[in-house]
Amino acid sequence: MVHSAMKWLSFGALVLSLNFAACSDDEKKAQEPVAPAATEQPATPPDANASFQADNVYFSFDEYALSSDAQSNLNKMAEHLKGQKSAVLQIEGHCDERGSTEYNLALGERRAQSVKNYLTQLGVEAARVPTISYGEERPAVEGHDEAAWAKNRRAQFSLSAP
């Protein structure tokens, strides 16, 4: 009987020591610093406005009709604007230095409106394409020859996202 009691005591001591060892390992693991799992950051989409370049639209002397090149350019702008619902495209009408101040302001407005009308026909909301005319007041190129005047007869754009 003593012998069998000793077996049980020895067996019990073994079980206790194994449990203690297991607890000690668990406690050690709990105390060890755990490196956070590497988290992947979602890819941020590129700013569409940063990569978009709104090219100027140029006009012939005393004209506000859109050329086929201008229409092609505006088709691209319209697609961009339809994809960027919060973007606003300010349209500025400009003229060369020939003509009176009043005439050039009116012609610059007709040029800006011509661009706006085309964009709205392509599905861009009119409120997102405000217009302003600067007439001859903000030339792109200084000069008094046809090369300079051709660069100044334009609609210029300013894209923003409120």
Foldseek 3Di string as FASTA:
>chain_A
DVVVVVVVVVVVVVVVVVVVVVVVVVVVVVPDDDDDDDDDDDDDDPDLVVPDDQDKFFDDPPDQAGDPVRLVSLLVVLVSCVVQVQKAKEKEFEAAPPDDQVVQQVSRQSNLVNSLVSSVVVPHDSVRYHYGYPRHPDQPDDDDDPVRRRRGRIIDIDMDGD
